[in-house]
Amino acid sequence: SGVIMSAEGYILTNYHVVYGAEHIEVALQDGRWLEAVLIGQDEISDLAVLYVQADNLPVIPQDPAIEPQVGDLVLAIGNPLNLGQTITQGIISANGNTGLSSRGYPDFMRMDAAINKGNSGGALVNSNGVLVGINAAAFQVQNQDIQGIFFAVPYQLARNIMQKLIKYGRVTRSYLGVSGEAVVNAAGDRLFSTGQALYGLLLTEVVAGGPAAIAGLQNGDIILEIAGQQFSNMQQAMNFIAETAPDTELPITIDRSGQRLTIPTIVREQRRR
């Protein structure tokens, strides 16, 4: 499945849908078959951009100002098992993984709208028919005892990736090589060495050989600021790192056993897994 994102002919789908394809054709609801060109693909977000040359393309409604909330009704649209357009209904159960892993997996949306084989790459829309995500069936839970959990790439992330693929043909991301969790500097809490930091990011894993480890960050350090900015959760911090140009040096301010330190850290490009 895929989603027509612009009248110019750009289509979003999943990376795993088109991976290895030598020839790609797009079938529209009006019966037209169009040859498609692969503009770019990104394995980490499981997204790919196609281009078709045609008039009167049915572009899906989009609104960058919409922020989906947990509990919102969503509809997953796709072509499962080659049976034609099918819609399944569900709700958003989580907006993303705030405890981002050291490998830097994207902030995917979780829901219970069923995504079956062939549905991946299709549109996830709200009750008004506005695009809120791209279905990503490849990320379904593999444990057969766990059912009803499905994933989608949030619209804002998908749109950002699409724009980069159109402009550059690829996506570059920087990474730090850490895992952690947010901690709050509550009133009277002596966890931090400074009363000015409202949030901290407690490092629970520093990957050996990664940028953070090379710079000298350690398990148990609490990140207070990155380049002068505070972050309320790991996802925000890792998104900031990902958007930073590779090989950039960032000052990272930490609390280490009550001592405030600033450690210059050079972020590196995240390679494919």
Protein backbone atom coordinates (compact mmCIF):
# COMPACT_ATOMS: atom_id res chain seq x y z
CA SER A 1 0.00 0.00 0.00
CA GLY A 2 1.01 3.63 -0.35
CA VAL A 3 -0.17 7.20 0.21
CA ILE A 4 -0.24 10.00 -2.39
CA MET A 5 1.27 12.93 -0.53
CA SER A 6 1.35 15.67 -3.17
CA ALA A 7 -0.16 16.68 -6.49
CA GLU A 8 3.38 16.64 -7.90
CA GLY A 9 3.30 12.84 -7.72
CA TYR A 10 5.19 11.93 -4.55
CA ILE A 11 4.00 8.79 -2.76
CA LEU A 12 4.97 7.47 0.67
CA THR A 13 5.17 3.77 1.39
CA ASN A 14 7.25 1.43 3.54
CA TYR A 15 10.89 0.63 2.88
CA HIS A 16 10.23 -3.09 3.25
CA VAL A 17 7.46 -2.92 0.64
CA VAL A 18 9.76 -1.78 -2.17
CA TYR A 19 13.11 -3.14 -0.96
CA GLY A 20 14.87 -4.98 -3.77
CA ALA A 21 12.18 -4.18 -6.35
CA GLU A 22 13.47 -3.79 -9.91
CA HIS A 23 10.21 -2.45 -11.30
CA ILE A 24 7.43 -0.64 -9.41
CA GLU A 25 3.90 0.06 -10.61
CA VAL A 26 1.21 1.95 -8.74
CA ALA A 27 -2.48 1.04 -9.03
CA LEU A 28 -4.88 3.91 -8.31
CA GLN A 29 -8.49 3.61 -7.14
CA ASP A 30 -9.70 5.02 -10.48
CA GLY A 31 -8.19 2.06 -12.31
CA ARG A 32 -5.03 3.74 -13.60
CA TRP A 33 -1.71 1.89 -13.50
CA LEU A 34 1.36 4.12 -13.33
CA GLU A 35 5.07 3.38 -13.47
CA ALA A 36 6.84 4.64 -10.35
CA VAL A 37 10.40 5.78 -9.74
CA LEU A 38 12.06 5.15 -6.37
CA ILE A 39 13.28 8.55 -5.13
CA GLY A 40 14.81 7.38 -1.87
CA GLN A 41 14.39 4.97 1.02
CA ASP A 42 15.19 4.91 4.72
CA GLU A 43 15.53 1.57 6.49
CA ILE A 44 15.47 2.96 10.04
CA SER A 45 12.06 4.63 9.70
CA ASP A 46 10.86 1.94 7.25
CA LEU A 47 9.84 4.62 4.74
CA ALA A 48 10.34 5.06 1.01
CA VAL A 49 9.33 7.78 -1.45
CA LEU A 50 8.08 7.02 -4.96
CA TYR A 51 7.36 9.39 -7.82
CA VAL A 52 4.71 9.04 -10.52
CA GLN A 53 3.98 11.42 -13.39
CA ALA A 54 0.23 11.90 -13.72
CA ASP A 55 -2.56 14.46 -13.54
CA ASN A 56 -5.52 14.63 -11.16
CA LEU A 57 -3.90 12.61 -8.41
CA PRO A 58 -6.09 12.08 -5.31
CA VAL A 59 -3.89 13.67 -2.61
CA ILE A 60 -4.71 12.63 0.95
CA PRO A 61 -5.83 15.44 3.33
CA GLN A 62 -3.02 16.61 5.62
CA ASP A 63 -2.75 19.07 8.50
CA PRO A 64 0.67 19.55 10.17
CA ALA A 65 -1.04 21.31 13.09
CA ILE A 66 -2.91 18.19 14.20
CA GLU A 67 -1.38 16.41 17.21
CA PRO A 68 -2.97 12.97 17.70
CA GLN A 69 -3.71 12.06 21.30
CA VAL A 70 -3.90 8.75 23.13
CA GLY A 71 -7.46 7.45 22.82
CA ASP A 72 -8.13 9.10 19.45
CA LEU A 73 -10.05 7.02 16.93
CA VAL A 74 -7.97 6.02 13.90
CA LEU A 75 -8.64 4.15 10.68
CA ALA A 76 -5.98 2.07 8.90
CA ILE A 77 -6.43 2.00 5.12
CA GLY A 78 -4.67 -0.44 2.84
CA ASN A 79 -4.84 -3.34 0.42
CA PRO A 80 -4.37 -6.46 2.57
CA LEU A 81 -3.95 -9.76 0.77
CA ASN A 82 -4.68 -8.01 -2.56
CA LEU A 83 -8.38 -7.86 -1.66
CA GLY A 84 -8.80 -4.19 -2.56
CA GLN A 85 -9.08 -1.17 -0.30
CA THR A 86 -9.89 -2.21 3.26
CA ILE A 87 -10.35 -0.14 6.41
CA THR A 88 -9.79 -1.29 10.00
CA GLN A 89 -10.63 0.77 13.08
CA GLY A 90 -8.85 1.27 16.37
CA ILE A 91 -7.53 3.80 18.85
CA ILE A 92 -4.10 5.27 19.54
CA SER A 93 -2.68 3.55 22.62
CA ALA A 94 0.66 5.41 22.79
CA ASN A 95 2.17 8.32 20.89
CA GLY A 96 5.71 6.99 20.93
CA ASN A 97 8.54 5.27 22.77
CA THR A 98 9.80 7.86 25.23
CA GLY A 99 12.50 5.47 26.44
CA LEU A 100 14.34 5.45 23.13
CA SER A 101 16.95 2.73 22.93
CA SER A 102 20.65 3.25 22.33
CA ARG A 103 20.15 2.04 18.76
CA GLY A 104 17.93 5.03 18.08
CA TYR A 105 14.67 3.48 16.91
CA PRO A 106 12.18 6.10 15.70
CA ASP A 107 9.27 7.35 17.75
CA PHE A 108 6.52 5.10 16.38
CA MET A 109 2.83 5.40 17.23
CA ARG A 110 1.12 2.38 18.80
CA MET A 111 -2.50 1.49 18.10
CA ASP A 112 -4.91 -1.43 17.90
CA ALA A 113 -6.19 -0.88 14.35
CA ALA A 114 -5.30 -4.18 12.68
CA ILE A 115 -2.56 -4.09 10.04
CA ASN A 116 -2.43 -7.24 7.94
CA LYS A 117 -0.05 -8.27 5.19
CA GLY A 118 -0.42 -5.76 2.37
CA ASN A 119 -1.69 -2.99 4.67
CA SER A 120 1.81 -1.71 5.42
CA GLY A 121 2.62 1.58 3.76
CA GLY A 122 -1.03 2.60 3.77
CA ALA A 123 -2.63 5.59 5.43
CA LEU A 124 -3.61 5.92 9.07
CA VAL A 125 -6.24 8.65 9.29
CA ASN A 126 -8.30 10.24 12.05
CA SER A 127 -12.10 10.37 12.18
CA ASN A 128 -12.04 13.35 9.78
CA GLY A 129 -10.01 11.47 7.19
CA VAL A 130 -6.84 13.49 7.81
CA LEU A 131 -3.52 11.63 7.64
CA VAL A 132 -1.93 11.01 11.06
CA GLY A 133 0.49 8.19 10.21
CA ILE A 134 1.85 5.58 7.80
CA ASN A 135 1.05 1.96 8.69
CA ALA A 136 4.14 -0.13 9.41
CA ALA A 137 3.20 -3.79 9.64
CA ALA A 138 6.86 -4.87 9.68
CA PHE A 139 7.06 -3.71 13.30
CA GLN A 140 4.27 -5.89 14.65
CA VAL A 141 5.08 -7.78 17.83
CA GLN A 142 6.52 -11.18 16.94
CA ASN A 143 5.34 -12.94 20.11
CA GLN A 144 2.23 -14.85 19.03
CA ASP A 145 0.83 -14.63 22.56
CA ILE A 146 0.61 -10.84 22.23
CA GLN A 147 -2.07 -9.54 19.89
CA GLY A 148 -3.70 -6.24 19.06
CA ILE A 149 -0.56 -4.07 19.09
CA PHE A 150 0.36 -2.42 15.81
CA PHE A 151 2.63 0.44 14.81
CA ALA A 152 2.54 3.44 12.51
CA VAL A 153 5.07 6.13 11.60
CA PRO A 154 3.64 9.44 12.89
CA TYR A 155 2.74 11.95 10.17
CA GLN A 156 5.21 14.62 11.26
CA LEU A 157 8.10 12.14 11.27
CA ALA A 158 7.02 10.64 7.93
CA ARG A 159 6.70 14.10 6.37
CA ASN A 160 10.15 15.10 7.62
CA ILE A 161 11.72 11.91 6.25
CA MET A 162 9.92 12.35 2.93
CA GLN A 163 11.22 15.90 2.50
CA LYS A 164 14.80 14.75 3.16
CA LEU A 165 14.51 11.86 0.73
CA ILE A 166 13.13 14.14 -1.98
CA LYS A 167 15.87 16.73 -1.44
CA TYR A 168 18.89 14.49 -0.76
CA GLY A 169 17.87 10.96 -1.73
CA ARG A 170 18.88 9.69 1.72
CA VAL A 171 18.52 10.49 5.41
CA THR A 172 21.48 11.18 7.67
CA ARG A 173 21.12 10.96 11.44
CA SER A 174 23.53 11.50 14.24
CA TYR A 175 23.52 9.34 17.36
CA LEU A 176 24.95 9.45 20.85
CA GLY A 177 24.95 5.77 21.82
CA VAL A 178 23.05 5.88 25.10
CA SER A 179 19.85 4.61 26.69
CA GLY A 180 18.17 6.22 29.65
CA GLU A 181 15.09 7.56 31.32
CA ALA A 182 13.82 10.93 32.44
CA VAL A 183 14.04 11.96 36.09
CA VAL A 184 12.44 15.05 37.61
CA ASN A 185 14.13 17.53 39.92
CA ALA A 186 11.24 17.81 42.37
CA ALA A 187 11.25 20.36 45.18
CA GLY A 188 13.61 19.20 47.92
CA ASP A 189 15.05 16.46 45.73
CA ARG A 190 18.86 16.47 46.02
CA LEU A 191 19.28 14.29 42.94
CA PHE A 192 20.77 17.16 40.94
CA SER A 193 23.71 19.34 41.80
CA THR A 194 21.82 22.38 40.52
CA GLY A 195 18.37 23.61 41.37
CA GLN A 196 18.01 25.20 37.94
CA ALA A 197 17.49 21.97 35.99
CA LEU A 198 13.85 20.86 35.97
CA TYR A 199 14.57 17.60 34.18
CA GLY A 200 17.43 15.19 33.83
CA LEU A 201 18.12 12.13 31.70
CA LEU A 202 19.56 9.27 33.73
CA LEU A 203 21.88 7.15 31.59
CA THR A 204 21.23 3.44 32.07
CA GLU A 205 23.41 2.28 29.16
CA VAL A 206 26.41 3.81 27.42
CA VAL A 207 27.32 1.75 24.35
CA ALA A 208 30.98 0.78 24.20
CA GLY A 209 32.72 2.49 21.31
CA GLY A 210 29.86 4.94 20.76
CA PRO A 211 30.20 8.73 20.72
CA ALA A 212 29.09 9.08 24.34
CA ALA A 213 31.52 6.45 25.59
CA ILE A 214 34.39 7.96 23.62
CA ALA A 215 33.63 11.36 25.12
CA GLY A 216 33.65 9.92 28.63
CA LEU A 217 29.97 9.68 29.57
CA GLN A 218 29.18 6.87 32.02
CA ASN A 219 26.26 4.82 33.29
CA GLY A 220 24.59 6.73 36.10
CA ASP A 221 25.39 10.16 34.70
CA ILE A 222 22.41 12.51 34.54
CA ILE A 223 22.27 14.69 31.45
CA LEU A 224 21.10 18.17 32.42
CA GLU A 225 21.63 19.98 29.11
CA ILE A 226 22.73 19.30 25.56
CA ALA A 227 24.10 22.39 23.81
CA GLY A 228 22.36 24.54 26.40
CA GLN A 229 18.95 22.91 25.97
CA GLN A 230 16.99 20.89 28.54
CA PHE A 231 14.88 17.90 27.55
CA SER A 232 11.97 16.37 29.45
CA ASN A 233 12.41 12.87 27.97
CA MET A 234 14.90 10.75 26.06
CA GLN A 235 12.91 10.93 22.84
CA GLN A 236 13.22 14.71 22.66
CA ALA A 237 16.95 14.53 23.31
CA MET A 238 17.59 11.79 20.75
CA ASN A 239 15.51 13.62 18.14
CA PHE A 240 17.68 16.69 18.73
CA ILE A 241 20.82 14.58 18.35
CA ALA A 242 19.47 12.90 15.21
CA GLU A 243 18.81 16.27 13.56
CA THR A 244 22.32 17.51 14.37
CA ALA A 245 24.85 17.22 11.55
CA PRO A 246 27.25 14.27 11.99
CA ASP A 247 30.70 15.11 13.41
CA THR A 248 29.32 18.14 15.28
CA GLU A 249 30.76 18.74 18.75
CA LEU A 250 28.06 19.34 21.37
CA PRO A 251 28.65 20.40 24.99
CA ILE A 252 26.77 17.96 27.24
CA THR A 253 26.28 19.10 30.83
CA ILE A 254 25.83 16.29 33.35
CA ASP A 255 25.46 15.61 37.04
CA ARG A 256 27.91 12.92 38.16
CA SER A 257 27.62 12.01 41.83
CA GLY A 258 26.68 15.57 42.72
CA GLN A 259 29.35 17.22 40.57
CA ARG A 260 28.32 19.33 37.59
CA LEU A 261 30.47 18.67 34.51
CA THR A 262 30.36 19.75 30.87
CA ILE A 263 31.74 17.16 28.46
CA PRO A 264 32.41 18.02 24.78
CA THR A 265 30.94 15.19 22.71
CA ILE A 266 31.24 14.63 18.96
CA VAL A 267 28.10 12.97 17.56
CA ARG A 268 28.53 10.52 14.68
CA GLU A 269 26.38 9.38 11.80
CA GLN A 270 24.10 6.48 12.59
CA ARG A 271 24.68 3.69 10.09
CA ARG A 272 22.16 1.12 8.97
CA ARG A 273 21.64 -1.79 11.29
